[in-house]
Amino acid sequence: MSCSTDLTKSQIYKVFDMLDVDCSGTLDFDEFYLLVCILIAVQDKDEKHFIYRHSRTVFDLLDEDASGNISCYEFEKFGFLFNLQGEAMRTIFSEFDVSGDHVSSEHIA
């Protein structure tokens, strides 16, 4: 049985680690449901809308170091999750970036 994905093995592990918020080594229903919602948004070409509608959830996923801030680097690093890269990611980041160098949890509803 073969799987079809454009993600590298490293990216797959990153996605799993991001979604495994309780660090249990497994995805519980809520974590799996979030993955399915992201995949549906990507399939429907509705990634940007998903990011805006679920900005707090996306923020928590992308805040890799749990600092309460997301740098442009962190934001772009995980753009593959939403099938967005380069300029598309920078555009979305700049729309949330009030301070000019990072997105703070204080700016997310």
PDB file of N, CA and C in Angstrom:
ATOM      1  N   MET A   1       0.858  -1.170   0.000  1.00  0.00           N
ATOM      2  CA  MET A   1       0.000   0.000   0.000  1.00  0.00           C
ATOM      3  C   MET A   1       0.904   1.233   0.000  1.00  0.00           C
ATOM      4  N   SER A   2       0.656   2.137  -0.893  1.00  0.00           N
ATOM      5  CA  SER A   2       1.474   3.355  -0.929  1.00  0.00           C
ATOM      6  C   SER A   2       0.614   4.567  -0.616  1.00  0.00           C
ATOM      7  N   CYS A   3       1.262   5.562  -0.053  1.00  0.00           N
ATOM      8  CA  CYS A   3       0.578   6.805   0.291  1.00  0.00           C
ATOM      9  C   CYS A   3       1.011   7.880  -0.688  1.00  0.00           C
ATOM     10  N   SER A   4       0.171   8.842  -0.870  1.00  0.00           N
ATOM     11  CA  SER A   4       0.481   9.927  -1.791  1.00  0.00           C
ATOM     12  C   SER A   4       0.509  11.243  -1.036  1.00  0.00           C
ATOM     13  N   THR A   5       1.686  11.860  -0.994  1.00  0.00           N
ATOM     14  CA  THR A   5       1.824  13.157  -0.355  1.00  0.00           C
ATOM     15  C   THR A   5       3.029  13.868  -0.941  1.00  0.00           C
ATOM     16  N   ASP A   6       2.977  15.174  -0.911  1.00  0.00           N
ATOM     17  CA  ASP A   6       4.115  15.974  -1.338  1.00  0.00           C
ATOM     18  C   ASP A   6       5.013  16.322  -0.157  1.00  0.00           C
ATOM     19  N   LEU A   7       4.598  15.950   1.040  1.00  0.00           N
ATOM     20  CA  LEU A   7       5.382  16.264   2.232  1.00  0.00           C
ATOM     21  C   LEU A   7       6.573  15.321   2.357  1.00  0.00           C
ATOM     22  N   THR A   8       7.668  15.865   2.837  1.00  0.00           N
ATOM     23  CA  THR A   8       8.831  15.034   3.117  1.00  0.00           C
ATOM     24  C   THR A   8       8.596  14.291   4.430  1.00  0.00           C
ATOM     25  N   LYS A   9       9.417  13.302   4.679  1.00  0.00           N
ATOM     26  CA  LYS A   9       9.308  12.554   5.936  1.00  0.00           C
ATOM     27  C   LYS A   9       9.486  13.493   7.125  1.00  0.00           C
ATOM     28  N   SER A  10      10.433  14.414   7.005  1.00  0.00           N
ATOM     29  CA  SER A  10      10.685  15.396   8.067  1.00  0.00           C
ATOM     30  C   SER A  10       9.457  16.274   8.305  1.00  0.00           C
ATOM     31  N   GLN A  11       8.808  16.703   7.233  1.00  0.00           N
ATOM     32  CA  GLN A  11       7.613  17.540   7.369  1.00  0.00           C
ATOM     33  C   GLN A  11       6.476  16.760   8.015  1.00  0.00           C
ATOM     34  N   ILE A  12       6.344  15.500   7.672  1.00  0.00           N
ATOM     35  CA  ILE A  12       5.295  14.665   8.271  1.00  0.00           C
ATOM     36  C   ILE A  12       5.511  14.562   9.782  1.00  0.00           C
ATOM     37  N   TYR A  13       6.757  14.356  10.193  1.00  0.00           N
ATOM     38  CA  TYR A  13       7.055  14.299  11.628  1.00  0.00           C
ATOM     39  C   TYR A  13       6.774  15.642  12.305  1.00  0.00           C
ATOM     40  N   LYS A  14       7.087  16.737  11.629  1.00  0.00           N
ATOM     41  CA  LYS A  14       6.815  18.067  12.195  1.00  0.00           C
ATOM     42  C   LYS A  14       5.318  18.274  12.384  1.00  0.00           C
ATOM     43  N   VAL A  15       4.536  17.882  11.383  1.00  0.00           N
ATOM     44  CA  VAL A  15       3.078  18.021  11.479  1.00  0.00           C
ATOM     45  C   VAL A  15       2.563  17.192  12.648  1.00  0.00           C
ATOM     46  N   PHE A  16       3.021  15.966  12.751  1.00  0.00           N
ATOM     47  CA  PHE A  16       2.580  15.111  13.854  1.00  0.00           C
ATOM     48  C   PHE A  16       2.919  15.744  15.196  1.00  0.00           C
ATOM     49  N   ASP A  17       4.154  16.198  15.333  1.00  0.00           N
ATOM     50  CA  ASP A  17       4.573  16.815  16.598  1.00  0.00           C
ATOM     51  C   ASP A  17       3.765  18.068  16.913  1.00  0.00           C
ATOM     52  N   MET A  18       3.433  18.846  15.895  1.00  0.00           N
ATOM     53  CA  MET A  18       2.621  20.052  16.107  1.00  0.00           C
ATOM     54  C   MET A  18       1.227  19.693  16.597  1.00  0.00           C
ATOM     55  N   LEU A  19       0.643  18.675  15.985  1.00  0.00           N
ATOM     56  CA  LEU A  19      -0.730  18.306  16.312  1.00  0.00           C
ATOM     57  C   LEU A  19      -0.837  17.520  17.616  1.00  0.00           C
ATOM     58  N   ASP A  20       0.209  16.842  17.996  1.00  0.00           N
ATOM     59  CA  ASP A  20       0.223  16.071  19.246  1.00  0.00           C
ATOM     60  C   ASP A  20       0.476  17.024  20.416  1.00  0.00           C
ATOM     61  N   VAL A  21      -0.502  17.874  20.683  1.00  0.00           N
ATOM     62  CA  VAL A  21      -0.313  18.957  21.656  1.00  0.00           C
ATOM     63  C   VAL A  21      -0.080  18.457  23.078  1.00  0.00           C
ATOM     64  N   ASP A  22      -0.587  17.289  23.403  1.00  0.00           N
ATOM     65  CA  ASP A  22      -0.370  16.761  24.750  1.00  0.00           C
ATOM     66  C   ASP A  22       0.881  15.877  24.831  1.00  0.00           C
ATOM     67  N   CYS A  23       1.628  15.803  23.735  1.00  0.00           N
ATOM     68  CA  CYS A  23       2.895  15.038  23.679  1.00  0.00           C
ATOM     69  C   CYS A  23       2.723  13.584  24.113  1.00  0.00           C
ATOM     70  N   SER A  24       1.594  12.997  23.746  1.00  0.00           N
ATOM     71  CA  SER A  24       1.314  11.616  24.129  1.00  0.00           C
ATOM     72  C   SER A  24       1.927  10.600  23.167  1.00  0.00           C
ATOM     73  N   GLY A  25       2.371  11.059  22.008  1.00  0.00           N
ATOM     74  CA  GLY A  25       2.886  10.138  20.999  1.00  0.00           C
ATOM     75  C   GLY A  25       1.798   9.593  20.105  1.00  0.00           C
ATOM     76  N   THR A  26       0.563  10.030  20.370  1.00  0.00           N
ATOM     77  CA  THR A  26      -0.583   9.646  19.547  1.00  0.00           C
ATOM     78  C   THR A  26      -1.441  10.886  19.318  1.00  0.00           C
ATOM     79  N   LEU A  27      -2.327  10.802  18.334  1.00  0.00           N
ATOM     80  CA  LEU A  27      -3.283  11.885  18.111  1.00  0.00           C
ATOM     81  C   LEU A  27      -4.626  11.454  18.672  1.00  0.00           C
ATOM     82  N   ASP A  28      -5.154  12.225  19.622  1.00  0.00           N
ATOM     83  CA  ASP A  28      -6.494  11.932  20.122  1.00  0.00           C
ATOM     84  C   ASP A  28      -7.502  12.487  19.114  1.00  0.00           C
ATOM     85  N   PHE A  29      -8.778  12.327  19.404  1.00  0.00           N
ATOM     86  CA  PHE A  29      -9.798  12.722  18.433  1.00  0.00           C
ATOM     87  C   PHE A  29      -9.699  14.193  18.054  1.00  0.00           C
ATOM     88  N   ASP A  30      -9.580  15.086  19.034  1.00  0.00           N
ATOM     89  CA  ASP A  30      -9.532  16.521  18.738  1.00  0.00           C
ATOM     90  C   ASP A  30      -8.313  16.887  17.897  1.00  0.00           C
ATOM     91  N   GLU A  31      -7.183  16.274  18.191  1.00  0.00           N
ATOM     92  CA  GLU A  31      -5.961  16.539  17.421  1.00  0.00           C
ATOM     93  C   GLU A  31      -6.112  16.019  15.989  1.00  0.00           C
ATOM     94  N   PHE A  32      -6.688  14.820  15.855  1.00  0.00           N
ATOM     95  CA  PHE A  32      -6.925  14.245  14.532  1.00  0.00           C
ATOM     96  C   PHE A  32      -7.944  15.076  13.756  1.00  0.00           C
ATOM     97  N   TYR A  33      -8.983  15.528  14.438  1.00  0.00           N
ATOM     98  CA  TYR A  33     -10.018  16.343  13.800  1.00  0.00           C
ATOM     99  C   TYR A  33      -9.418  17.633  13.237  1.00  0.00           C
ATOM    100  N   LEU A  34      -8.512  18.244  13.972  1.00  0.00           N
ATOM    101  CA  LEU A  34      -7.845  19.448  13.482  1.00  0.00           C
ATOM    102  C   LEU A  34      -7.069  19.142  12.206  1.00  0.00           C
ATOM    103  N   LEU A  35      -6.364  18.019  12.182  1.00  0.00           N
ATOM    104  CA  LEU A  35      -5.634  17.612  10.980  1.00  0.00           C
ATOM    105  C   LEU A  35      -6.588  17.462   9.800  1.00  0.00           C
ATOM    106  N   VAL A  36      -7.698  16.794  10.004  1.00  0.00           N
ATOM    107  CA  VAL A  36      -8.677  16.601   8.938  1.00  0.00           C
ATOM    108  C   VAL A  36      -9.207  17.949   8.448  1.00  0.00           C
ATOM    109  N   CYS A  37      -9.494  18.865   9.359  1.00  0.00           N
ATOM    110  CA  CYS A  37      -9.984  20.195   8.969  1.00  0.00           C
ATOM    111  C   CYS A  37      -8.952  20.941   8.125  1.00  0.00           C
ATOM    112  N   ILE A  38      -7.691  20.845   8.502  1.00  0.00           N
ATOM    113  CA  ILE A  38      -6.629  21.493   7.724  1.00  0.00           C
ATOM    114  C   ILE A  38      -6.545  20.863   6.340  1.00  0.00           C
ATOM    115  N   LEU A  39      -6.578  19.540   6.272  1.00  0.00           N
ATOM    116  CA  LEU A  39      -6.500  18.855   4.980  1.00  0.00           C
ATOM    117  C   LEU A  39      -7.670  19.222   4.076  1.00  0.00           C
ATOM    118  N   ILE A  40      -8.858  19.335   4.647  1.00  0.00           N
ATOM    119  CA  ILE A  40     -10.028  19.730   3.857  1.00  0.00           C
ATOM    120  C   ILE A  40      -9.869  21.156   3.351  1.00  0.00           C
ATOM    121  N   ALA A  41      -9.386  22.050   4.201  1.00  0.00           N
ATOM    122  CA  ALA A  41      -9.168  23.442   3.779  1.00  0.00           C
ATOM    123  C   ALA A  41      -8.167  23.505   2.631  1.00  0.00           C
ATOM    124  N   VAL A  42      -7.099  22.728   2.722  1.00  0.00           N
ATOM    125  CA  VAL A  42      -6.092  22.705   1.655  1.00  0.00           C
ATOM    126  C   VAL A  42      -6.699  22.139   0.378  1.00  0.00           C
ATOM    127  N   GLN A  43      -7.441  21.044   0.496  1.00  0.00           N
ATOM    128  CA  GLN A  43      -8.064  20.426  -0.674  1.00  0.00           C
ATOM    129  C   GLN A  43      -9.036  21.386  -1.346  1.00  0.00           C
ATOM    130  N   ASP A  44      -9.769  22.151  -0.548  1.00  0.00           N
ATOM    131  CA  ASP A  44     -10.759  23.090  -1.081  1.00  0.00           C
ATOM    132  C   ASP A  44     -10.150  24.433  -1.471  1.00  0.00           C
ATOM    133  N   LYS A  45      -8.829  24.547  -1.357  1.00  0.00           N
ATOM    134  CA  LYS A  45      -8.115  25.797  -1.675  1.00  0.00           C
ATOM    135  C   LYS A  45      -8.632  26.949  -0.815  1.00  0.00           C
ATOM    136  N   ASP A  46      -8.896  26.644   0.449  1.00  0.00           N
ATOM    137  CA  ASP A  46      -9.467  27.612   1.380  1.00  0.00           C
ATOM    138  C   ASP A  46      -8.542  27.829   2.581  1.00  0.00           C
ATOM    139  N   GLU A  47      -7.232  27.697   2.341  1.00  0.00           N
ATOM    140  CA  GLU A  47      -6.258  27.771   3.427  1.00  0.00           C
ATOM    141  C   GLU A  47      -6.274  29.124   4.128  1.00  0.00           C
ATOM    142  N   LYS A  48      -6.284  30.192   3.340  1.00  0.00           N
ATOM    143  CA  LYS A  48      -6.227  31.535   3.926  1.00  0.00           C
ATOM    144  C   LYS A  48      -7.447  31.786   4.813  1.00  0.00           C
ATOM    145  N   HIS A  49      -8.610  31.412   4.342  1.00  0.00           N
ATOM    146  CA  HIS A  49      -9.833  31.568   5.130  1.00  0.00           C
ATOM    147  C   HIS A  49      -9.736  30.756   6.415  1.00  0.00           C
ATOM    148  N   PHE A  50      -9.209  29.538   6.337  1.00  0.00           N
ATOM    149  CA  PHE A  50      -9.046  28.696   7.524  1.00  0.00           C
ATOM    150  C   PHE A  50      -8.131  29.374   8.538  1.00  0.00           C
ATOM    151  N   ILE A  51      -7.016  29.932   8.058  1.00  0.00           N
ATOM    152  CA  ILE A  51      -6.063  30.597   8.951  1.00  0.00           C
ATOM    153  C   ILE A  51      -6.730  31.757   9.678  1.00  0.00           C
ATOM    154  N   TYR A  52      -7.525  32.552   8.961  1.00  0.00           N
ATOM    155  CA  TYR A  52      -8.201  33.689   9.594  1.00  0.00           C
ATOM    156  C   TYR A  52      -9.300  33.235  10.545  1.00  0.00           C
ATOM    157  N   ARG A  53     -10.080  32.274  10.121  1.00  0.00           N
ATOM    158  CA  ARG A  53     -11.207  31.819  10.940  1.00  0.00           C
ATOM    159  C   ARG A  53     -10.743  31.129  12.224  1.00  0.00           C
ATOM    160  N   HIS A  54      -9.612  30.461  12.150  1.00  0.00           N
ATOM    161  CA  HIS A  54      -9.097  29.699  13.296  1.00  0.00           C
ATOM    162  C   HIS A  54      -7.741  30.245  13.732  1.00  0.00           C
ATOM    163  N   SER A  55      -7.643  31.556  13.775  1.00  0.00           N
ATOM    164  CA  SER A  55      -6.346  32.196  14.015  1.00  0.00           C
ATOM    165  C   SER A  55      -5.716  31.792  15.350  1.00  0.00           C
ATOM    166  N   ARG A  56      -6.488  31.639  16.407  1.00  0.00           N
ATOM    167  CA  ARG A  56      -5.927  31.238  17.702  1.00  0.00           C
ATOM    168  C   ARG A  56      -5.351  29.824  17.623  1.00  0.00           C
ATOM    169  N   THR A  57      -6.080  28.913  17.030  1.00  0.00           N
ATOM    170  CA  THR A  57      -5.603  27.538  16.890  1.00  0.00           C
ATOM    171  C   THR A  57      -4.346  27.483  16.036  1.00  0.00           C
ATOM    172  N   VAL A  58      -4.366  28.199  14.912  1.00  0.00           N
ATOM    173  CA  VAL A  58      -3.202  28.235  14.027  1.00  0.00           C
ATOM    174  C   VAL A  58      -2.020  28.865  14.756  1.00  0.00           C
ATOM    175  N   PHE A  59      -2.278  29.945  15.500  1.00  0.00           N
ATOM    176  CA  PHE A  59      -1.205  30.587  16.267  1.00  0.00           C
ATOM    177  C   PHE A  59      -0.555  29.586  17.215  1.00  0.00           C
ATOM    178  N   ASP A  60      -1.373  28.862  17.959  1.00  0.00           N
ATOM    179  CA  ASP A  60      -0.842  27.898  18.922  1.00  0.00           C
ATOM    180  C   ASP A  60      -0.036  26.794  18.237  1.00  0.00           C
ATOM    181  N   LEU A  61      -0.465  26.380  17.045  1.00  0.00           N
ATOM    182  CA  LEU A  61       0.283  25.370  16.298  1.00  0.00           C
ATOM    183  C   LEU A  61       1.641  25.893  15.841  1.00  0.00           C
ATOM    184  N   LEU A  62       1.658  27.126  15.363  1.00  0.00           N
ATOM    185  CA  LEU A  62       2.876  27.680  14.770  1.00  0.00           C
ATOM    186  C   LEU A  62       3.856  28.241  15.791  1.00  0.00           C
ATOM    187  N   ASP A  63       3.394  28.508  17.000  1.00  0.00           N
ATOM    188  CA  ASP A  63       4.276  29.040  18.047  1.00  0.00           C
ATOM    189  C   ASP A  63       5.103  27.887  18.615  1.00  0.00           C
ATOM    190  N   GLU A  64       6.053  27.455  17.828  1.00  0.00           N
ATOM    191  CA  GLU A  64       6.831  26.247  18.111  1.00  0.00           C
ATOM    192  C   GLU A  64       7.518  26.278  19.471  1.00  0.00           C
ATOM    193  N   ASP A  65       8.029  27.430  19.871  1.00  0.00           N
ATOM    194  CA  ASP A  65       8.754  27.522  21.139  1.00  0.00           C
ATOM    195  C   ASP A  65       7.872  27.988  22.299  1.00  0.00           C
ATOM    196  N   ALA A  66       6.562  28.115  22.061  1.00  0.00           N
ATOM    197  CA  ALA A  66       5.590  28.514  23.086  1.00  0.00           C
ATOM    198  C   ALA A  66       5.954  29.836  23.753  1.00  0.00           C
ATOM    199  N   SER A  67       6.525  30.749  22.979  1.00  0.00           N
ATOM    200  CA  SER A  67       6.960  32.042  23.514  1.00  0.00           C
ATOM    201  C   SER A  67       5.836  33.073  23.573  1.00  0.00           C
ATOM    202  N   GLY A  68       4.714  32.773  22.923  1.00  0.00           N
ATOM    203  CA  GLY A  68       3.641  33.759  22.839  1.00  0.00           C
ATOM    204  C   GLY A  68       3.828  34.702  21.669  1.00  0.00           C
ATOM    205  N   ASN A  69       4.865  34.459  20.876  1.00  0.00           N
ATOM    206  CA  ASN A  69       5.149  35.242  19.674  1.00  0.00           C
ATOM    207  C   ASN A  69       5.500  34.298  18.534  1.00  0.00           C
ATOM    208  N   ILE A  70       5.138  34.700  17.332  1.00  0.00           N
ATOM    209  CA  ILE A  70       5.531  33.942  16.149  1.00  0.00           C
ATOM    210  C   ILE A  70       6.374  34.852  15.280  1.00  0.00           C
ATOM    211  N   SER A  71       7.585  34.418  15.020  1.00  0.00           N
ATOM    212  CA  SER A  71       8.449  35.170  14.111  1.00  0.00           C
ATOM    213  C   SER A  71       8.056  34.839  12.674  1.00  0.00           C
ATOM    214  N   CYS A  72       8.505  35.656  11.762  1.00  0.00           N
ATOM    215  CA  CYS A  72       8.268  35.384  10.347  1.00  0.00           C
ATOM    216  C   CYS A  72       8.867  34.026   9.988  1.00  0.00           C
ATOM    217  N   TYR A  73      10.021  33.717  10.567  1.00  0.00           N
ATOM    218  CA  TYR A  73      10.673  32.426  10.317  1.00  0.00           C
ATOM    219  C   TYR A  73       9.771  31.269  10.744  1.00  0.00           C
ATOM    220  N   GLU A  74       9.205  31.336  11.957  1.00  0.00           N
ATOM    221  CA  GLU A  74       8.315  30.269  12.426  1.00  0.00           C
ATOM    222  C   GLU A  74       7.106  30.154  11.509  1.00  0.00           C
ATOM    223  N   PHE A  75       6.560  31.295  11.117  1.00  0.00           N
ATOM    224  CA  PHE A  75       5.372  31.306  10.272  1.00  0.00           C
ATOM    225  C   PHE A  75       5.666  30.654   8.928  1.00  0.00           C
ATOM    226  N   GLU A  76       6.767  31.042   8.304  1.00  0.00           N
ATOM    227  CA  GLU A  76       7.120  30.492   6.995  1.00  0.00           C
ATOM    228  C   GLU A  76       7.570  29.037   7.086  1.00  0.00           C
ATOM    229  N   LYS A  77       8.196  28.671   8.187  1.00  0.00           N
ATOM    230  CA  LYS A  77       8.715  27.316   8.371  1.00  0.00           C
ATOM    231  C   LYS A  77       7.621  26.264   8.240  1.00  0.00           C
ATOM    232  N   PHE A  78       6.419  26.612   8.696  1.00  0.00           N
ATOM    233  CA  PHE A  78       5.328  25.650   8.670  1.00  0.00           C
ATOM    234  C   PHE A  78       4.266  25.977   7.628  1.00  0.00           C
ATOM    235  N   GLY A  79       4.616  26.818   6.672  1.00  0.00           N
ATOM    236  CA  GLY A  79       3.684  27.158   5.602  1.00  0.00           C
ATOM    237  C   GLY A  79       3.242  25.957   4.794  1.00  0.00           C
ATOM    238  N   PHE A  80       4.119  24.948   4.712  1.00  0.00           N
ATOM    239  CA  PHE A  80       3.778  23.746   3.954  1.00  0.00           C
ATOM    240  C   PHE A  80       2.507  23.101   4.485  1.00  0.00           C
ATOM    241  N   LEU A  81       2.244  23.271   5.775  1.00  0.00           N
ATOM    242  CA  LEU A  81       1.057  22.678   6.384  1.00  0.00           C
ATOM    243  C   LEU A  81      -0.218  23.176   5.709  1.00  0.00           C
ATOM    244  N   PHE A  82      -0.180  24.424   5.253  1.00  0.00           N
ATOM    245  CA  PHE A  82      -1.337  25.024   4.593  1.00  0.00           C
ATOM    246  C   PHE A  82      -1.131  25.162   3.091  1.00  0.00           C
ATOM    247  N   ASN A  83      -0.138  24.461   2.571  1.00  0.00           N
ATOM    248  CA  ASN A  83       0.169  24.494   1.148  1.00  0.00           C
ATOM    249  C   ASN A  83       0.450  25.917   0.660  1.00  0.00           C
ATOM    250  N   LEU A  84       1.055  26.715   1.526  1.00  0.00           N
ATOM    251  CA  LEU A  84       1.412  28.090   1.190  1.00  0.00           C
ATOM    252  C   LEU A  84       2.904  28.269   1.393  1.00  0.00           C
ATOM    253  N   GLN A  85       3.512  29.047   0.520  1.00  0.00           N
ATOM    254  CA  GLN A  85       4.934  29.305   0.657  1.00  0.00           C
ATOM    255  C   GLN A  85       5.265  30.703   0.173  1.00  0.00           C
ATOM    256  N   GLY A  86       6.475  31.104   0.471  1.00  0.00           N
ATOM    257  CA  GLY A  86       7.028  32.339  -0.061  1.00  0.00           C
ATOM    258  C   GLY A  86       6.163  33.554   0.169  1.00  0.00           C
ATOM    259  N   GLU A  87       5.851  34.236  -0.901  1.00  0.00           N
ATOM    260  CA  GLU A  87       5.130  35.507  -0.837  1.00  0.00           C
ATOM    261  C   GLU A  87       3.745  35.358  -0.211  1.00  0.00           C
ATOM    262  N   ALA A  88       3.063  34.254  -0.480  1.00  0.00           N
ATOM    263  CA  ALA A  88       1.727  34.041   0.099  1.00  0.00           C
ATOM    264  C   ALA A  88       1.805  34.002   1.622  1.00  0.00           C
ATOM    265  N   MET A  89       2.804  33.324   2.156  1.00  0.00           N
ATOM    266  CA  MET A  89       2.966  33.261   3.611  1.00  0.00           C
ATOM    267  C   MET A  89       3.360  34.616   4.181  1.00  0.00           C
ATOM    268  N   ARG A  90       4.260  35.316   3.499  1.00  0.00           N
ATOM    269  CA  ARG A  90       4.684  36.636   3.986  1.00  0.00           C
ATOM    270  C   ARG A  90       3.516  37.623   3.983  1.00  0.00           C
ATOM    271  N   THR A  91       2.644  37.528   2.990  1.00  0.00           N
ATOM    272  CA  THR A  91       1.478  38.415   2.924  1.00  0.00           C
ATOM    273  C   THR A  91       0.556  38.179   4.110  1.00  0.00           C
ATOM    274  N   ILE A  92       0.247  36.931   4.388  1.00  0.00           N
ATOM    275  CA  ILE A  92      -0.625  36.616   5.525  1.00  0.00           C
ATOM    276  C   ILE A  92       0.042  37.038   6.831  1.00  0.00           C
ATOM    277  N   PHE A  93       1.334  36.756   6.965  1.00  0.00           N
ATOM    278  CA  PHE A  93       2.062  37.147   8.176  1.00  0.00           C
ATOM    279  C   PHE A  93       1.980  38.653   8.384  1.00  0.00           C
ATOM    280  N   SER A  94       2.184  39.417   7.330  1.00  0.00           N
ATOM    281  CA  SER A  94       2.184  40.882   7.460  1.00  0.00           C
ATOM    282  C   SER A  94       0.809  41.418   7.847  1.00  0.00           C
ATOM    283  N   GLU A  95      -0.253  40.709   7.486  1.00  0.00           N
ATOM    284  CA  GLU A  95      -1.599  41.135   7.862  1.00  0.00           C
ATOM    285  C   GLU A  95      -1.846  40.964   9.364  1.00  0.00           C
ATOM    286  N   PHE A  96      -1.166  40.015   9.995  1.00  0.00           N
ATOM    287  CA  PHE A  96      -1.283  39.800  11.436  1.00  0.00           C
ATOM    288  C   PHE A  96      -0.209  40.546  12.220  1.00  0.00           C
ATOM    289  N   ASP A  97       0.889  40.904  11.560  1.00  0.00           N
ATOM    290  CA  ASP A  97       2.067  41.475  12.215  1.00  0.00           C
ATOM    291  C   ASP A  97       1.883  42.961  12.500  1.00  0.00           C
ATOM    292  N   VAL A  98       1.408  43.287  13.692  1.00  0.00           N
ATOM    293  CA  VAL A  98       1.161  44.668  14.089  1.00  0.00           C
ATOM    294  C   VAL A  98       2.465  45.371  14.464  1.00  0.00           C
ATOM    295  N   SER A  99       3.392  44.647  15.078  1.00  0.00           N
ATOM    296  CA  SER A  99       4.622  45.253  15.598  1.00  0.00           C
ATOM    297  C   SER A  99       5.706  45.443  14.546  1.00  0.00           C
ATOM    298  N   GLY A 100       5.627  44.710  13.452  1.00  0.00           N
ATOM    299  CA  GLY A 100       6.628  44.840  12.405  1.00  0.00           C
ATOM    300  C   GLY A 100       7.687  43.765  12.403  1.00  0.00           C
ATOM    301  N   ASP A 101       7.734  42.912  13.440  1.00  0.00           N
ATOM    302  CA  ASP A 101       8.747  41.855  13.433  1.00  0.00           C
ATOM    303  C   ASP A 101       8.251  40.508  13.958  1.00  0.00           C
ATOM    304  N   HIS A 102       7.056  40.465  14.528  1.00  0.00           N
ATOM    305  CA  HIS A 102       6.498  39.206  15.009  1.00  0.00           C
ATOM    306  C   HIS A 102       4.994  39.368  15.238  1.00  0.00           C
ATOM    307  N   VAL A 103       4.325  38.238  15.334  1.00  0.00           N
ATOM    308  CA  VAL A 103       2.908  38.232  15.689  1.00  0.00           C
ATOM    309  C   VAL A 103       2.836  37.802  17.147  1.00  0.00           C
ATOM    310  N   SER A 104       2.174  38.593  17.953  1.00  0.00           N
ATOM    311  CA  SER A 104       2.046  38.310  19.374  1.00  0.00           C
ATOM    312  C   SER A 104       0.682  37.693  19.656  1.00  0.00           C
ATOM    313  N   SER A 105       0.625  36.849  20.662  1.00  0.00           N
ATOM    314  CA  SER A 105      -0.656  36.252  21.052  1.00  0.00           C
ATOM    315  C   SER A 105      -1.661  37.327  21.456  1.00  0.00           C
ATOM    316  N   GLU A 106      -1.172  38.488  21.848  1.00  0.00           N
ATOM    317  CA  GLU A 106      -2.057  39.595  22.222  1.00  0.00           C
ATOM    318  C   GLU A 106      -2.830  40.141  21.022  1.00  0.00           C
ATOM    319  N   HIS A 107      -2.321  39.910  19.817  1.00  0.00           N
ATOM    320  CA  HIS A 107      -2.963  40.418  18.607  1.00  0.00           C
ATOM    321  C   HIS A 107      -3.951  39.431  18.005  1.00  0.00           C
ATOM    322  N   ILE A 108      -4.041  38.248  18.603  1.00  0.00           N
ATOM    323  CA  ILE A 108      -4.906  37.197  18.085  1.00  0.00           C
ATOM    324  C   ILE A 108      -6.116  37.071  18.995  1.00  0.00           C
ATOM    325  N   ALA A 109      -7.285  37.049  18.372  1.00  0.00           N
ATOM    326  CA  ALA A 109      -8.530  36.948  19.153  1.00  0.00           C
ATOM    327  C   ALA A 109      -8.723  35.562  19.702  1.00  0.00           C
TER     328      ALA A 109
END
